[in-house]
Amino acid sequence: MNSVEFPIDPPIPQKPQLSSKGQIKILELEIFKSVRIMVDFLDNENKIVDRRFYILEGEDYNNWGTDDNYVVEWIKQKIRE
């Protein structure tokens, strides 16, 4: 997984714009331990309206396995917290 776009539904309100999709980029992978992820939040014109960083580690990292969709769903959960 280098970079993955995913829809955000319902969109996340941002000031002054609305983020309707995200783009995940893996920044660093420490095998068997963790992955550092950057998420760009994009508006309808694909302009970045926000950027956040997350670390997938521990049990969440172990649950990832080979299913990259797991990372997308994990990020969707994190952005709503």
PDB file of N, CA and C in Angstrom:
ATOM      1  N   MET A   1       0.859  -1.172   0.000  1.00  0.00           N
ATOM      2  CA  MET A   1       0.000   0.000   0.000  1.00  0.00           C
ATOM      3  C   MET A   1       0.901   1.229   0.000  1.00  0.00           C
ATOM      4  N   ASN A   2       0.944   1.948  -1.105  1.00  0.00           N
ATOM      5  CA  ASN A   2       1.677   3.208  -1.172  1.00  0.00           C
ATOM      6  C   ASN A   2       0.767   4.383  -0.867  1.00  0.00           C
ATOM      7  N   SER A   3      -0.327   4.441  -1.589  1.00  0.00           N
ATOM      8  CA  SER A   3      -1.265   5.533  -1.432  1.00  0.00           C
ATOM      9  C   SER A   3      -2.650   5.036  -1.830  1.00  0.00           C
ATOM     10  N   VAL A   4      -3.637   5.346  -1.005  1.00  0.00           N
ATOM     11  CA  VAL A   4      -4.996   4.886  -1.257  1.00  0.00           C
ATOM     12  C   VAL A   4      -5.959   6.027  -1.006  1.00  0.00           C
ATOM     13  N   GLU A   5      -6.885   6.267  -1.937  1.00  0.00           N
ATOM     14  CA  GLU A   5      -7.951   7.242  -1.716  1.00  0.00           C
ATOM     15  C   GLU A   5      -9.190   6.512  -1.253  1.00  0.00           C
ATOM     16  N   PHE A   6      -9.963   7.169  -0.373  1.00  0.00           N
ATOM     17  CA  PHE A   6     -11.194   6.573   0.122  1.00  0.00           C
ATOM     18  C   PHE A   6     -12.221   7.665   0.353  1.00  0.00           C
ATOM     19  N   PRO A   7     -13.513   7.345   0.147  1.00  0.00           N
ATOM     20  CA  PRO A   7     -14.563   8.341   0.383  1.00  0.00           C
ATOM     21  C   PRO A   7     -14.840   8.502   1.871  1.00  0.00           C
ATOM     22  N   ILE A   8     -15.214   9.685   2.276  1.00  0.00           N
ATOM     23  CA  ILE A   8     -15.636   9.963   3.644  1.00  0.00           C
ATOM     24  C   ILE A   8     -17.110  10.321   3.586  1.00  0.00           C
ATOM     25  N   ASP A   9     -17.931   9.442   4.153  1.00  0.00           N
ATOM     26  CA  ASP A   9     -19.371   9.641   4.071  1.00  0.00           C
ATOM     27  C   ASP A   9     -20.006   9.358   5.425  1.00  0.00           C
ATOM     28  N   PRO A  10     -20.628  10.321   6.075  1.00  0.00           N
ATOM     29  CA  PRO A  10     -20.807  11.691   5.597  1.00  0.00           C
ATOM     30  C   PRO A  10     -19.498  12.470   5.696  1.00  0.00           C
ATOM     31  N   PRO A  11     -19.358  13.526   4.880  1.00  0.00           N
ATOM     32  CA  PRO A  11     -18.138  14.331   4.900  1.00  0.00           C
ATOM     33  C   PRO A  11     -17.858  14.929   6.281  1.00  0.00           C
ATOM     34  N   ILE A  12     -16.595  15.204   6.509  1.00  0.00           N
ATOM     35  CA  ILE A  12     -16.166  15.805   7.774  1.00  0.00           C
ATOM     36  C   ILE A  12     -16.135  17.319   7.605  1.00  0.00           C
ATOM     37  N   PRO A  13     -16.872  18.053   8.430  1.00  0.00           N
ATOM     38  CA  PRO A  13     -16.843  19.515   8.318  1.00  0.00           C
ATOM     39  C   PRO A  13     -15.454  20.061   8.669  1.00  0.00           C
ATOM     40  N   GLN A  14     -14.951  20.901   7.846  1.00  0.00           N
ATOM     41  CA  GLN A  14     -13.683  21.589   8.100  1.00  0.00           C
ATOM     42  C   GLN A  14     -13.935  23.084   7.916  1.00  0.00           C
ATOM     43  N   LYS A  15     -13.109  23.900   8.491  1.00  0.00           N
ATOM     44  CA  LYS A  15     -13.247  25.338   8.283  1.00  0.00           C
ATOM     45  C   LYS A  15     -12.197  25.769   7.280  1.00  0.00           C
ATOM     46  N   PRO A  16     -12.555  26.401   6.203  1.00  0.00           N
ATOM     47  CA  PRO A  16     -13.885  26.808   5.768  1.00  0.00           C
ATOM     48  C   PRO A  16     -14.500  25.826   4.775  1.00  0.00           C
ATOM     49  N   GLN A  17     -13.852  24.649   4.555  1.00  0.00           N
ATOM     50  CA  GLN A  17     -14.306  23.746   3.505  1.00  0.00           C
ATOM     51  C   GLN A  17     -14.812  22.429   4.083  1.00  0.00           C
ATOM     52  N   LEU A  18     -15.270  21.577   3.218  1.00  0.00           N
ATOM     53  CA  LEU A  18     -15.797  20.284   3.610  1.00  0.00           C
ATOM     54  C   LEU A  18     -14.917  19.194   3.008  1.00  0.00           C
ATOM     55  N   SER A  19     -14.473  18.270   3.842  1.00  0.00           N
ATOM     56  CA  SER A  19     -13.647  17.180   3.359  1.00  0.00           C
ATOM     57  C   SER A  19     -14.537  16.002   2.996  1.00  0.00           C
ATOM     58  N   SER A  20     -14.449  15.558   1.744  1.00  0.00           N
ATOM     59  CA  SER A  20     -15.314  14.468   1.286  1.00  0.00           C
ATOM     60  C   SER A  20     -14.546  13.199   0.937  1.00  0.00           C
ATOM     61  N   LYS A  21     -13.216  13.274   0.954  1.00  0.00           N
ATOM     62  CA  LYS A  21     -12.426  12.062   0.742  1.00  0.00           C
ATOM     63  C   LYS A  21     -11.054  12.235   1.360  1.00  0.00           C
ATOM     64  N   GLY A  22     -10.414  11.098   1.564  1.00  0.00           N
ATOM     65  CA  GLY A  22      -9.102  11.117   2.167  1.00  0.00           C
ATOM     66  C   GLY A  22      -8.119  10.351   1.313  1.00  0.00           C
ATOM     67  N   GLN A  23      -6.844  10.626   1.540  1.00  0.00           N
ATOM     68  CA  GLN A  23      -5.784   9.900   0.853  1.00  0.00           C
ATOM     69  C   GLN A  23      -4.779   9.449   1.907  1.00  0.00           C
ATOM     70  N   ILE A  24      -4.560   8.142   1.963  1.00  0.00           N
ATOM     71  CA  ILE A  24      -3.657   7.540   2.946  1.00  0.00           C
ATOM     72  C   ILE A  24      -2.291   7.336   2.308  1.00  0.00           C
ATOM     73  N   LYS A  25      -1.239   7.701   3.038  1.00  0.00           N
ATOM     74  CA  LYS A  25       0.129   7.432   2.604  1.00  0.00           C
ATOM     75  C   LYS A  25       0.876   6.801   3.770  1.00  0.00           C
ATOM     76  N   ILE A  26       1.552   5.701   3.492  1.00  0.00           N
ATOM     77  CA  ILE A  26       2.380   5.050   4.497  1.00  0.00           C
ATOM     78  C   ILE A  26       3.715   5.794   4.528  1.00  0.00           C
ATOM     79  N   LEU A  27       4.066   6.321   5.695  1.00  0.00           N
ATOM     80  CA  LEU A  27       5.319   7.063   5.823  1.00  0.00           C
ATOM     81  C   LEU A  27       6.461   6.195   6.310  1.00  0.00           C
ATOM     82  N   GLU A  28       6.147   5.280   7.225  1.00  0.00           N
ATOM     83  CA  GLU A  28       7.200   4.455   7.815  1.00  0.00           C
ATOM     84  C   GLU A  28       6.599   3.140   8.291  1.00  0.00           C
ATOM     85  N   LEU A  29       7.291   2.063   8.014  1.00  0.00           N
ATOM     86  CA  LEU A  29       6.850   0.741   8.438  1.00  0.00           C
ATOM     87  C   LEU A  29       7.954   0.096   9.251  1.00  0.00           C
ATOM     88  N   GLU A  30       7.642  -0.243  10.488  1.00  0.00           N
ATOM     89  CA  GLU A  30       8.567  -0.999  11.328  1.00  0.00           C
ATOM     90  C   GLU A  30       7.986  -2.409  11.399  1.00  0.00           C
ATOM     91  N   ILE A  31       8.608  -3.320  10.669  1.00  0.00           N
ATOM     92  CA  ILE A  31       8.066  -4.669  10.491  1.00  0.00           C
ATOM     93  C   ILE A  31       7.786  -5.328  11.837  1.00  0.00           C
ATOM     94  N   PHE A  32       6.612  -5.941  11.917  1.00  0.00           N
ATOM     95  CA  PHE A  32       6.103  -6.658  13.092  1.00  0.00           C
ATOM     96  C   PHE A  32       5.814  -5.744  14.280  1.00  0.00           C
ATOM     97  N   LYS A  33       5.809  -4.424  14.045  1.00  0.00           N
ATOM     98  CA  LYS A  33       5.603  -3.514  15.177  1.00  0.00           C
ATOM     99  C   LYS A  33       4.580  -2.411  14.905  1.00  0.00           C
ATOM    100  N   SER A  34       4.834  -1.578  13.886  1.00  0.00           N
ATOM    101  CA  SER A  34       3.961  -0.418  13.682  1.00  0.00           C
ATOM    102  C   SER A  34       4.119   0.144  12.276  1.00  0.00           C
ATOM    103  N   VAL A  35       3.164   0.998  11.930  1.00  0.00           N
ATOM    104  CA  VAL A  35       3.226   1.734  10.672  1.00  0.00           C
ATOM    105  C   VAL A  35       2.764   3.165  10.954  1.00  0.00           C
ATOM    106  N   ARG A  36       3.500   4.134  10.424  1.00  0.00           N
ATOM    107  CA  ARG A  36       3.138   5.544  10.575  1.00  0.00           C
ATOM    108  C   ARG A  36       2.448   5.981   9.295  1.00  0.00           C
ATOM    109  N   ILE A  37       1.260   6.570   9.451  1.00  0.00           N
ATOM    110  CA  ILE A  37       0.388   6.882   8.325  1.00  0.00           C
ATOM    111  C   ILE A  37       0.078   8.373   8.288  1.00  0.00           C
ATOM    112  N   MET A  38       0.108   8.950   7.083  1.00  0.00           N
ATOM    113  CA  MET A  38      -0.317  10.329   6.882  1.00  0.00           C
ATOM    114  C   MET A  38      -1.626  10.281   6.099  1.00  0.00           C
ATOM    115  N   VAL A  39      -2.610  11.051   6.557  1.00  0.00           N
ATOM    116  CA  VAL A  39      -3.897  11.122   5.862  1.00  0.00           C
ATOM    117  C   VAL A  39      -4.139  12.571   5.448  1.00  0.00           C
ATOM    118  N   ASP A  40      -4.278  12.773   4.143  1.00  0.00           N
ATOM    119  CA  ASP A  40      -4.672  14.079   3.617  1.00  0.00           C
ATOM    120  C   ASP A  40      -6.177  14.052   3.408  1.00  0.00           C
ATOM    121  N   PHE A  41      -6.870  15.061   3.877  1.00  0.00           N
ATOM    122  CA  PHE A  41      -8.299  15.204   3.674  1.00  0.00           C
ATOM    123  C   PHE A  41      -8.505  16.186   2.535  1.00  0.00           C
ATOM    124  N   LEU A  42      -9.275  15.755   1.529  1.00  0.00           N
ATOM    125  CA  LEU A  42      -9.425  16.507   0.292  1.00  0.00           C
ATOM    126  C   LEU A  42     -10.849  17.013   0.121  1.00  0.00           C
ATOM    127  N   ASP A  43     -10.968  18.181  -0.515  1.00  0.00           N
ATOM    128  CA  ASP A  43     -12.301  18.690  -0.843  1.00  0.00           C
ATOM    129  C   ASP A  43     -12.710  18.149  -2.210  1.00  0.00           C
ATOM    130  N   ASN A  44     -13.824  18.621  -2.732  1.00  0.00           N
ATOM    131  CA  ASN A  44     -14.334  18.127  -4.016  1.00  0.00           C
ATOM    132  C   ASN A  44     -13.438  18.485  -5.203  1.00  0.00           C
ATOM    133  N   GLU A  45     -12.523  19.425  -4.999  1.00  0.00           N
ATOM    134  CA  GLU A  45     -11.592  19.813  -6.059  1.00  0.00           C
ATOM    135  C   GLU A  45     -10.222  19.178  -5.856  1.00  0.00           C
ATOM    136  N   ASN A  46     -10.150  18.185  -4.951  1.00  0.00           N
ATOM    137  CA  ASN A  46      -8.903  17.472  -4.626  1.00  0.00           C
ATOM    138  C   ASN A  46      -7.833  18.363  -4.013  1.00  0.00           C
ATOM    139  N   LYS A  47      -8.248  19.436  -3.359  1.00  0.00           N
ATOM    140  CA  LYS A  47      -7.319  20.287  -2.624  1.00  0.00           C
ATOM    141  C   LYS A  47      -7.259  19.801  -1.187  1.00  0.00           C
ATOM    142  N   ILE A  48      -6.068  19.792  -0.622  1.00  0.00           N
ATOM    143  CA  ILE A  48      -5.888  19.349   0.758  1.00  0.00           C
ATOM    144  C   ILE A  48      -6.454  20.400   1.702  1.00  0.00           C
ATOM    145  N   VAL A  49      -7.387  19.975   2.574  1.00  0.00           N
ATOM    146  CA  VAL A  49      -7.982  20.889   3.545  1.00  0.00           C
ATOM    147  C   VAL A  49      -7.523  20.570   4.973  1.00  0.00           C
ATOM    148  N   ASP A  50      -6.920  19.402   5.160  1.00  0.00           N
ATOM    149  CA  ASP A  50      -6.409  19.027   6.481  1.00  0.00           C
ATOM    150  C   ASP A  50      -5.446  17.870   6.286  1.00  0.00           C
ATOM    151  N   ARG A  51      -4.522  17.712   7.228  1.00  0.00           N
ATOM    152  CA  ARG A  51      -3.561  16.605   7.203  1.00  0.00           C
ATOM    153  C   ARG A  51      -3.405  16.112   8.630  1.00  0.00           C
ATOM    154  N   ARG A  52      -3.492  14.794   8.803  1.00  0.00           N
ATOM    155  CA  ARG A  52      -3.328  14.193  10.130  1.00  0.00           C
ATOM    156  C   ARG A  52      -2.405  12.991  10.038  1.00  0.00           C
ATOM    157  N   PHE A  53      -1.813  12.651  11.187  1.00  0.00           N
ATOM    158  CA  PHE A  53      -0.886  11.535  11.262  1.00  0.00           C
ATOM    159  C   PHE A  53      -1.384  10.534  12.302  1.00  0.00           C
ATOM    160  N   TYR A  54      -1.226   9.260  11.982  1.00  0.00           N
ATOM    161  CA  TYR A  54      -1.666   8.188  12.861  1.00  0.00           C
ATOM    162  C   TYR A  54      -0.586   7.117  12.931  1.00  0.00           C
ATOM    163  N   ILE A  55      -0.564   6.386  14.049  1.00  0.00           N
ATOM    164  CA  ILE A  55       0.323   5.237  14.184  1.00  0.00           C
ATOM    165  C   ILE A  55      -0.532   4.013  14.442  1.00  0.00           C
ATOM    166  N   LEU A  56      -0.414   3.041  13.561  1.00  0.00           N
ATOM    167  CA  LEU A  56      -1.108   1.763  13.692  1.00  0.00           C
ATOM    168  C   LEU A  56      -0.119   0.815  14.366  1.00  0.00           C
ATOM    169  N   GLU A  57      -0.468   0.353  15.570  1.00  0.00           N
ATOM    170  CA  GLU A  57       0.472  -0.480  16.324  1.00  0.00           C
ATOM    171  C   GLU A  57      -0.281  -1.456  17.211  1.00  0.00           C
ATOM    172  N   GLY A  58       0.456  -2.323  17.856  1.00  0.00           N
ATOM    173  CA  GLY A  58      -0.130  -3.264  18.800  1.00  0.00           C
ATOM    174  C   GLY A  58      -1.122  -4.208  18.139  1.00  0.00           C
ATOM    175  N   GLU A  59      -2.242  -4.432  18.812  1.00  0.00           N
ATOM    176  CA  GLU A  59      -3.269  -5.348  18.307  1.00  0.00           C
ATOM    177  C   GLU A  59      -3.823  -4.885  16.965  1.00  0.00           C
ATOM    178  N   ASP A  60      -3.982  -3.569  16.789  1.00  0.00           N
ATOM    179  CA  ASP A  60      -4.474  -3.047  15.512  1.00  0.00           C
ATOM    180  C   ASP A  60      -3.509  -3.410  14.377  1.00  0.00           C
ATOM    181  N   TYR A  61      -2.227  -3.291  14.624  1.00  0.00           N
ATOM    182  CA  TYR A  61      -1.223  -3.653  13.612  1.00  0.00           C
ATOM    183  C   TYR A  61      -1.310  -5.149  13.301  1.00  0.00           C
ATOM    184  N   ASN A  62      -1.426  -5.966  14.335  1.00  0.00           N
ATOM    185  CA  ASN A  62      -1.515  -7.415  14.147  1.00  0.00           C
ATOM    186  C   ASN A  62      -2.759  -7.812  13.362  1.00  0.00           C
ATOM    187  N   ASN A  63      -3.865  -7.088  13.540  1.00  0.00           N
ATOM    188  CA  ASN A  63      -5.103  -7.380  12.827  1.00  0.00           C
ATOM    189  C   ASN A  63      -5.036  -7.001  11.348  1.00  0.00           C
ATOM    190  N   TRP A  64      -4.098  -6.159  10.969  1.00  0.00           N
ATOM    191  CA  TRP A  64      -3.970  -5.701   9.594  1.00  0.00           C
ATOM    192  C   TRP A  64      -3.741  -6.881   8.652  1.00  0.00           C
ATOM    193  N   GLY A  65      -2.787  -7.736   8.962  1.00  0.00           N
ATOM    194  CA  GLY A  65      -2.502  -8.888   8.101  1.00  0.00           C
ATOM    195  C   GLY A  65      -2.177  -8.457   6.685  1.00  0.00           C
ATOM    196  N   THR A  66      -2.898  -8.999   5.706  1.00  0.00           N
ATOM    197  CA  THR A  66      -2.651  -8.670   4.298  1.00  0.00           C
ATOM    198  C   THR A  66      -3.815  -7.890   3.684  1.00  0.00           C
ATOM    199  N   ASP A  67      -4.784  -7.501   4.506  1.00  0.00           N
ATOM    200  CA  ASP A  67      -5.972  -6.812   4.016  1.00  0.00           C
ATOM    201  C   ASP A  67      -5.803  -5.297   4.148  1.00  0.00           C
ATOM    202  N   ASP A  68      -5.405  -4.633   3.057  1.00  0.00           N
ATOM    203  CA  ASP A  68      -5.197  -3.186   3.107  1.00  0.00           C
ATOM    204  C   ASP A  68      -6.484  -2.423   3.369  1.00  0.00           C
ATOM    205  N   ASN A  69      -7.631  -3.017   3.070  1.00  0.00           N
ATOM    206  CA  ASN A  69      -8.899  -2.369   3.382  1.00  0.00           C
ATOM    207  C   ASN A  69      -9.063  -2.196   4.900  1.00  0.00           C
ATOM    208  N   TYR A  70      -8.415  -3.069   5.671  1.00  0.00           N
ATOM    209  CA  TYR A  70      -8.443  -2.935   7.133  1.00  0.00           C
ATOM    210  C   TYR A  70      -7.898  -1.568   7.547  1.00  0.00           C
ATOM    211  N   VAL A  71      -6.813  -1.120   6.899  1.00  0.00           N
ATOM    212  CA  VAL A  71      -6.211   0.178   7.224  1.00  0.00           C
ATOM    213  C   VAL A  71      -7.184   1.302   6.900  1.00  0.00           C
ATOM    214  N   VAL A  72      -7.857   1.212   5.762  1.00  0.00           N
ATOM    215  CA  VAL A  72      -8.832   2.234   5.379  1.00  0.00           C
ATOM    216  C   VAL A  72      -9.948   2.315   6.422  1.00  0.00           C
ATOM    217  N   GLU A  73     -10.495   1.174   6.818  1.00  0.00           N
ATOM    218  CA  GLU A  73     -11.571   1.155   7.809  1.00  0.00           C
ATOM    219  C   GLU A  73     -11.073   1.638   9.171  1.00  0.00           C
ATOM    220  N   TRP A  74      -9.838   1.301   9.535  1.00  0.00           N
ATOM    221  CA  TRP A  74      -9.239   1.752  10.796  1.00  0.00           C
ATOM    222  C   TRP A  74      -9.118   3.290  10.805  1.00  0.00           C
ATOM    223  N   ILE A  75      -8.671   3.846   9.681  1.00  0.00           N
ATOM    224  CA  ILE A  75      -8.551   5.309   9.566  1.00  0.00           C
ATOM    225  C   ILE A  75      -9.922   5.952   9.649  1.00  0.00           C
ATOM    226  N   LYS A  76     -10.922   5.412   8.954  1.00  0.00           N
ATOM    227  CA  LYS A  76     -12.274   5.972   9.017  1.00  0.00           C
ATOM    228  C   LYS A  76     -12.786   6.008  10.458  1.00  0.00           C
ATOM    229  N   GLN A  77     -12.479   4.982  11.213  1.00  0.00           N
ATOM    230  CA  GLN A  77     -12.879   4.950  12.624  1.00  0.00           C
ATOM    231  C   GLN A  77     -12.126   6.020  13.412  1.00  0.00           C
ATOM    232  N   LYS A  78     -10.841   6.145  13.200  1.00  0.00           N
ATOM    233  CA  LYS A  78     -10.017   7.109  13.941  1.00  0.00           C
ATOM    234  C   LYS A  78     -10.444   8.552  13.688  1.00  0.00           C
ATOM    235  N   ILE A  79     -10.810   8.886  12.450  1.00  0.00           N
ATOM    236  CA  ILE A  79     -11.151  10.277  12.161  1.00  0.00           C
ATOM    237  C   ILE A  79     -12.471  10.682  12.782  1.00  0.00           C
ATOM    238  N   ARG A  80     -13.285   9.730  13.164  1.00  0.00           N
ATOM    239  CA  ARG A  80     -14.574  10.030  13.821  1.00  0.00           C
ATOM    240  C   ARG A  80     -14.441  10.129  15.337  1.00  0.00           C
ATOM    241  N   GLU A  81     -13.294   9.719  15.884  1.00  0.00           N
ATOM    242  CA  GLU A  81     -13.114   9.756  17.355  1.00  0.00           C
ATOM    243  C   GLU A  81     -12.852  11.150  17.855  1.00  0.00           C
TER     244      GLU A  81
END
